[in-house]
Amino acid sequence: TKSAAKWYTCMQEGSVRLNAKTFGKLIEAAAKGGDVSVACDWLGAFTSEFGSADPVAWNAVVDACAKAGKPAEAAAWFERMEAARMAPDQVTFSSVANAYAQSGDV
C-alpha cells in the first residue's frame, strides 16, 4: 500500500486529475494488503472528493474488515454504506457473513 500511496502523491504533484477509478484502486490495494485503516482513509478521501463512493469501493472496505477478522467493523461499514444511501449488494452481504463465519460466530 505504500507504493500505491507513493504513486497517488506523484499524481497529485504532477497535477494529474484523480478520478473515481484511481481512488477505487487505492482502496483495493489497501484492502488486499490487509490494511483496513488505510482502506478506510482512502474511502474517506474518495467521498470527500466526489461526494460519494461507488459500491465497489465500499465493498472493498467491508471485505478488508472481513479478511482482517473484524466482523463487527465489517458490519459497521455495512451500516455506514446504508446510511450513505448506497445499497449493499450480494458482495456486501457475503463479505459480512463471511467475516462472522470466519470468527466462528455463525
N, C-alpha and C. Protein backbone atom coordinates (compact mmCIF):
# COMPACT_ATOMS: atom_id res chain seq x y z
N THR A 1 0.82 -1.20 0.00
CA THR A 1 0.00 0.00 0.00
C THR A 1 0.86 1.26 0.00
N LYS A 2 2.08 1.15 0.50
CA LYS A 2 2.96 2.31 0.48
C LYS A 2 3.30 2.71 -0.95
N SER A 3 3.49 1.72 -1.81
CA SER A 3 3.79 2.02 -3.21
C SER A 3 2.61 2.70 -3.89
N ALA A 4 1.39 2.22 -3.59
CA ALA A 4 0.19 2.84 -4.17
C ALA A 4 0.07 4.28 -3.70
N ALA A 5 0.33 4.52 -2.42
CA ALA A 5 0.26 5.88 -1.88
C ALA A 5 1.32 6.77 -2.52
N LYS A 6 2.49 6.20 -2.79
CA LYS A 6 3.56 6.96 -3.43
C LYS A 6 3.11 7.44 -4.82
N TRP A 7 2.48 6.56 -5.58
CA TRP A 7 2.02 6.93 -6.91
C TRP A 7 0.88 7.95 -6.85
N TYR A 8 0.06 7.84 -5.84
CA TYR A 8 -1.00 8.83 -5.62
C TYR A 8 -0.38 10.21 -5.42
N THR A 9 0.66 10.28 -4.58
CA THR A 9 1.34 11.54 -4.33
C THR A 9 1.97 12.08 -5.61
N CYS A 10 2.57 11.20 -6.39
CA CYS A 10 3.17 11.61 -7.67
C CYS A 10 2.11 12.18 -8.61
N MET A 11 0.94 11.56 -8.61
CA MET A 11 -0.15 12.05 -9.47
C MET A 11 -0.57 13.45 -9.03
N GLN A 12 -0.69 13.65 -7.73
CA GLN A 12 -1.09 14.96 -7.21
C GLN A 12 -0.04 16.01 -7.56
N GLU A 13 1.22 15.67 -7.36
CA GLU A 13 2.30 16.60 -7.65
C GLU A 13 2.39 16.92 -9.13
N GLY A 14 2.01 15.97 -9.96
CA GLY A 14 2.03 16.17 -11.40
C GLY A 14 0.75 16.78 -11.94
N SER A 15 -0.12 17.22 -11.04
CA SER A 15 -1.40 17.84 -11.40
C SER A 15 -2.27 16.93 -12.25
N VAL A 16 -2.14 15.63 -12.03
CA VAL A 16 -3.00 14.67 -12.73
C VAL A 16 -4.32 14.63 -11.99
N ARG A 17 -5.40 14.80 -12.75
CA ARG A 17 -6.73 14.79 -12.12
C ARG A 17 -7.08 13.36 -11.71
N LEU A 18 -7.40 13.21 -10.44
CA LEU A 18 -7.76 11.90 -9.92
C LEU A 18 -9.23 11.63 -10.20
N ASN A 19 -9.53 10.39 -10.50
CA ASN A 19 -10.92 10.04 -10.76
C ASN A 19 -11.36 8.91 -9.81
N ALA A 20 -12.60 8.53 -9.95
CA ALA A 20 -13.16 7.50 -9.08
C ALA A 20 -12.39 6.19 -9.20
N LYS A 21 -11.97 5.87 -10.40
CA LYS A 21 -11.24 4.61 -10.61
C LYS A 21 -9.91 4.62 -9.83
N THR A 22 -9.24 5.77 -9.81
CA THR A 22 -7.99 5.89 -9.07
C THR A 22 -8.21 5.59 -7.59
N PHE A 23 -9.21 6.24 -7.02
CA PHE A 23 -9.49 6.01 -5.60
C PHE A 23 -9.91 4.56 -5.36
N GLY A 24 -10.69 4.01 -6.27
CA GLY A 24 -11.10 2.61 -6.14
C GLY A 24 -9.90 1.68 -6.09
N LYS A 25 -8.93 1.94 -6.94
CA LYS A 25 -7.72 1.09 -6.97
C LYS A 25 -6.89 1.26 -5.70
N LEU A 26 -6.84 2.48 -5.15
CA LEU A 26 -6.12 2.70 -3.91
C LEU A 26 -6.78 1.96 -2.74
N ILE A 27 -8.11 2.00 -2.71
CA ILE A 27 -8.86 1.28 -1.68
C ILE A 27 -8.61 -0.22 -1.82
N GLU A 28 -8.69 -0.68 -3.05
CA GLU A 28 -8.47 -2.10 -3.34
C GLU A 28 -7.07 -2.55 -2.91
N ALA A 29 -6.07 -1.73 -3.21
CA ALA A 29 -4.69 -2.08 -2.85
C ALA A 29 -4.54 -2.20 -1.34
N ALA A 30 -5.11 -1.25 -0.61
CA ALA A 30 -5.03 -1.29 0.86
C ALA A 30 -5.78 -2.50 1.39
N ALA A 31 -6.95 -2.76 0.83
CA ALA A 31 -7.77 -3.89 1.28
C ALA A 31 -7.04 -5.21 1.03
N LYS A 32 -6.47 -5.36 -0.15
CA LYS A 32 -5.75 -6.60 -0.47
C LYS A 32 -4.51 -6.76 0.40
N GLY A 33 -3.93 -5.62 0.80
CA GLY A 33 -2.77 -5.66 1.68
C GLY A 33 -3.14 -5.87 3.14
N GLY A 34 -4.44 -5.94 3.42
CA GLY A 34 -4.90 -6.17 4.78
C GLY A 34 -4.86 -4.95 5.68
N ASP A 35 -4.67 -3.78 5.09
CA ASP A 35 -4.58 -2.54 5.87
C ASP A 35 -5.94 -1.85 5.90
N VAL A 36 -6.76 -2.25 6.86
CA VAL A 36 -8.14 -1.75 6.96
C VAL A 36 -8.17 -0.24 7.16
N SER A 37 -7.32 0.27 8.04
CA SER A 37 -7.37 1.71 8.33
C SER A 37 -7.02 2.54 7.10
N VAL A 38 -6.06 2.09 6.31
CA VAL A 38 -5.70 2.83 5.09
C VAL A 38 -6.83 2.73 4.07
N ALA A 39 -7.45 1.56 3.94
CA ALA A 39 -8.59 1.41 3.03
C ALA A 39 -9.70 2.38 3.43
N CYS A 40 -9.95 2.48 4.73
CA CYS A 40 -10.99 3.40 5.23
C CYS A 40 -10.61 4.85 4.95
N ASP A 41 -9.34 5.18 5.12
CA ASP A 41 -8.88 6.54 4.83
C ASP A 41 -9.08 6.88 3.36
N TRP A 42 -8.76 5.93 2.47
CA TRP A 42 -8.94 6.17 1.04
C TRP A 42 -10.42 6.33 0.70
N LEU A 43 -11.27 5.54 1.35
CA LEU A 43 -12.71 5.68 1.11
C LEU A 43 -13.17 7.07 1.54
N GLY A 44 -12.64 7.56 2.66
CA GLY A 44 -12.96 8.91 3.11
C GLY A 44 -12.50 9.96 2.12
N ALA A 45 -11.31 9.78 1.57
CA ALA A 45 -10.80 10.72 0.56
C ALA A 45 -11.67 10.68 -0.70
N PHE A 46 -12.08 9.48 -1.08
CA PHE A 46 -12.95 9.28 -2.25
C PHE A 46 -14.24 10.07 -2.07
N THR A 47 -14.89 9.89 -0.91
CA THR A 47 -16.17 10.56 -0.68
C THR A 47 -16.00 12.06 -0.53
N SER A 48 -14.88 12.49 0.03
CA SER A 48 -14.61 13.93 0.13
C SER A 48 -14.46 14.57 -1.25
N GLU A 49 -13.79 13.85 -2.12
CA GLU A 49 -13.53 14.37 -3.47
C GLU A 49 -14.76 14.35 -4.36
N PHE A 50 -15.55 13.28 -4.27
CA PHE A 50 -16.65 13.09 -5.22
C PHE A 50 -18.04 13.10 -4.59
N GLY A 51 -18.12 13.25 -3.27
CA GLY A 51 -19.42 13.29 -2.61
C GLY A 51 -19.93 11.92 -2.22
N SER A 52 -19.55 10.91 -2.95
CA SER A 52 -19.92 9.54 -2.61
C SER A 52 -18.97 8.59 -3.34
N ALA A 53 -18.96 7.37 -2.86
CA ALA A 53 -18.12 6.35 -3.48
C ALA A 53 -19.04 5.32 -4.13
N ASP A 54 -18.49 4.55 -5.04
CA ASP A 54 -19.30 3.53 -5.70
C ASP A 54 -19.35 2.26 -4.84
N PRO A 55 -20.27 1.36 -5.15
CA PRO A 55 -20.40 0.13 -4.35
C PRO A 55 -19.12 -0.71 -4.31
N VAL A 56 -18.36 -0.70 -5.37
CA VAL A 56 -17.12 -1.49 -5.40
C VAL A 56 -16.16 -1.00 -4.32
N ALA A 57 -16.05 0.31 -4.16
CA ALA A 57 -15.16 0.88 -3.15
C ALA A 57 -15.64 0.52 -1.74
N TRP A 58 -16.93 0.67 -1.50
CA TRP A 58 -17.50 0.31 -0.20
C TRP A 58 -17.26 -1.18 0.08
N ASN A 59 -17.51 -2.01 -0.91
CA ASN A 59 -17.34 -3.45 -0.73
C ASN A 59 -15.89 -3.82 -0.43
N ALA A 60 -14.96 -3.10 -1.01
CA ALA A 60 -13.54 -3.38 -0.75
C ALA A 60 -13.22 -3.14 0.72
N VAL A 61 -13.79 -2.08 1.30
CA VAL A 61 -13.56 -1.79 2.72
C VAL A 61 -14.21 -2.86 3.60
N VAL A 62 -15.46 -3.21 3.28
CA VAL A 62 -16.15 -4.26 4.05
C VAL A 62 -15.37 -5.56 3.97
N ASP A 63 -14.90 -5.91 2.78
CA ASP A 63 -14.14 -7.14 2.59
C ASP A 63 -12.81 -7.09 3.33
N ALA A 64 -12.16 -5.93 3.35
CA ALA A 64 -10.90 -5.79 4.08
C ALA A 64 -11.11 -6.07 5.56
N CYS A 65 -12.21 -5.56 6.11
CA CYS A 65 -12.54 -5.84 7.52
C CYS A 65 -12.76 -7.33 7.73
N ALA A 66 -13.46 -7.94 6.80
CA ALA A 66 -13.73 -9.38 6.91
C ALA A 66 -12.44 -10.18 6.89
N LYS A 67 -11.57 -9.87 5.96
CA LYS A 67 -10.31 -10.60 5.83
C LYS A 67 -9.39 -10.37 7.02
N ALA A 68 -9.55 -9.23 7.68
CA ALA A 68 -8.73 -8.92 8.85
C ALA A 68 -9.31 -9.54 10.13
N GLY A 69 -10.42 -10.26 9.98
CA GLY A 69 -11.03 -10.90 11.15
C GLY A 69 -11.75 -9.92 12.05
N LYS A 70 -12.33 -8.88 11.44
CA LYS A 70 -13.03 -7.84 12.20
C LYS A 70 -14.50 -7.79 11.78
N PRO A 71 -15.30 -8.78 12.18
CA PRO A 71 -16.69 -8.82 11.73
C PRO A 71 -17.53 -7.64 12.19
N ALA A 72 -17.31 -7.17 13.41
CA ALA A 72 -18.09 -6.02 13.90
C ALA A 72 -17.79 -4.78 13.07
N GLU A 73 -16.52 -4.62 12.69
CA GLU A 73 -16.14 -3.48 11.86
C GLU A 73 -16.73 -3.62 10.46
N ALA A 74 -16.76 -4.83 9.92
CA ALA A 74 -17.38 -5.07 8.61
C ALA A 74 -18.86 -4.69 8.67
N ALA A 75 -19.54 -5.10 9.75
CA ALA A 75 -20.96 -4.77 9.92
C ALA A 75 -21.17 -3.27 10.07
N ALA A 76 -20.25 -2.61 10.77
CA ALA A 76 -20.36 -1.15 10.95
C ALA A 76 -20.22 -0.44 9.61
N TRP A 77 -19.31 -0.91 8.75
CA TRP A 77 -19.17 -0.30 7.42
C TRP A 77 -20.39 -0.60 6.55
N PHE A 78 -20.98 -1.76 6.73
CA PHE A 78 -22.23 -2.09 6.05
C PHE A 78 -23.28 -1.05 6.41
N GLU A 79 -23.40 -0.75 7.71
CA GLU A 79 -24.38 0.23 8.18
C GLU A 79 -24.06 1.63 7.67
N ARG A 80 -22.78 1.98 7.63
CA ARG A 80 -22.39 3.29 7.08
C ARG A 80 -22.76 3.38 5.60
N MET A 81 -22.59 2.28 4.92
CA MET A 81 -22.93 2.22 3.49
C MET A 81 -24.42 2.52 3.31
N GLU A 82 -25.26 1.88 4.12
CA GLU A 82 -26.70 2.13 4.05
C GLU A 82 -27.02 3.57 4.42
N ALA A 83 -26.36 4.10 5.44
CA ALA A 83 -26.60 5.48 5.87
C ALA A 83 -26.22 6.48 4.78
N ALA A 84 -25.24 6.11 3.96
CA ALA A 84 -24.82 6.96 2.85
C ALA A 84 -25.71 6.77 1.62
N ARG A 85 -26.79 6.02 1.81
CA ARG A 85 -27.76 5.74 0.73
C ARG A 85 -27.14 4.96 -0.43
N MET A 86 -26.17 4.13 -0.08
CA MET A 86 -25.56 3.23 -1.05
C MET A 86 -26.11 1.84 -0.75
N ALA A 87 -26.78 1.26 -1.71
CA ALA A 87 -27.43 -0.03 -1.49
C ALA A 87 -26.41 -1.16 -1.43
N PRO A 88 -26.35 -1.87 -0.30
CA PRO A 88 -25.49 -3.05 -0.24
C PRO A 88 -25.94 -4.08 -1.27
N ASP A 89 -24.99 -4.80 -1.82
CA ASP A 89 -25.34 -5.82 -2.82
C ASP A 89 -24.92 -7.20 -2.30
N GLN A 90 -24.98 -8.17 -3.17
CA GLN A 90 -24.65 -9.54 -2.79
C GLN A 90 -23.24 -9.65 -2.23
N VAL A 91 -22.31 -8.92 -2.82
CA VAL A 91 -20.92 -8.95 -2.35
C VAL A 91 -20.83 -8.41 -0.92
N THR A 92 -21.55 -7.33 -0.64
CA THR A 92 -21.52 -6.74 0.70
C THR A 92 -22.04 -7.73 1.73
N PHE A 93 -23.22 -8.29 1.46
CA PHE A 93 -23.82 -9.25 2.39
C PHE A 93 -22.90 -10.45 2.60
N SER A 94 -22.33 -10.96 1.51
CA SER A 94 -21.44 -12.12 1.60
C SER A 94 -20.20 -11.83 2.42
N SER A 95 -19.64 -10.63 2.25
CA SER A 95 -18.43 -10.26 2.99
C SER A 95 -18.70 -10.20 4.49
N VAL A 96 -19.83 -9.59 4.87
CA VAL A 96 -20.15 -9.50 6.30
C VAL A 96 -20.42 -10.89 6.87
N ALA A 97 -21.20 -11.68 6.15
CA ALA A 97 -21.50 -13.04 6.62
C ALA A 97 -20.22 -13.86 6.75
N ASN A 98 -19.32 -13.73 5.79
CA ASN A 98 -18.05 -14.45 5.82
C ASN A 98 -17.20 -14.01 7.00
N ALA A 99 -17.23 -12.72 7.32
CA ALA A 99 -16.45 -12.22 8.45
C ALA A 99 -16.90 -12.88 9.74
N TYR A 100 -18.21 -12.96 9.94
CA TYR A 100 -18.72 -13.62 11.15
C TYR A 100 -18.44 -15.12 11.13
N ALA A 101 -18.58 -15.74 9.97
CA ALA A 101 -18.33 -17.18 9.87
C ALA A 101 -16.87 -17.50 10.20
N GLN A 102 -15.95 -16.69 9.70
CA GLN A 102 -14.53 -16.93 9.97
C GLN A 102 -14.19 -16.77 11.44
N SER A 103 -14.96 -15.92 12.13
CA SER A 103 -14.69 -15.71 13.56
C SER A 103 -15.37 -16.77 14.42
N GLY A 104 -16.14 -17.66 13.76
CA GLY A 104 -16.84 -18.71 14.49
C GLY A 104 -18.20 -18.30 15.01
N ASP A 105 -18.62 -17.10 14.65
CA ASP A 105 -19.92 -16.57 15.10
C ASP A 105 -20.95 -16.82 14.01
N VAL A 106 -21.46 -18.06 13.97
CA VAL A 106 -22.43 -18.43 12.93
C VAL A 106 -23.80 -18.70 13.48
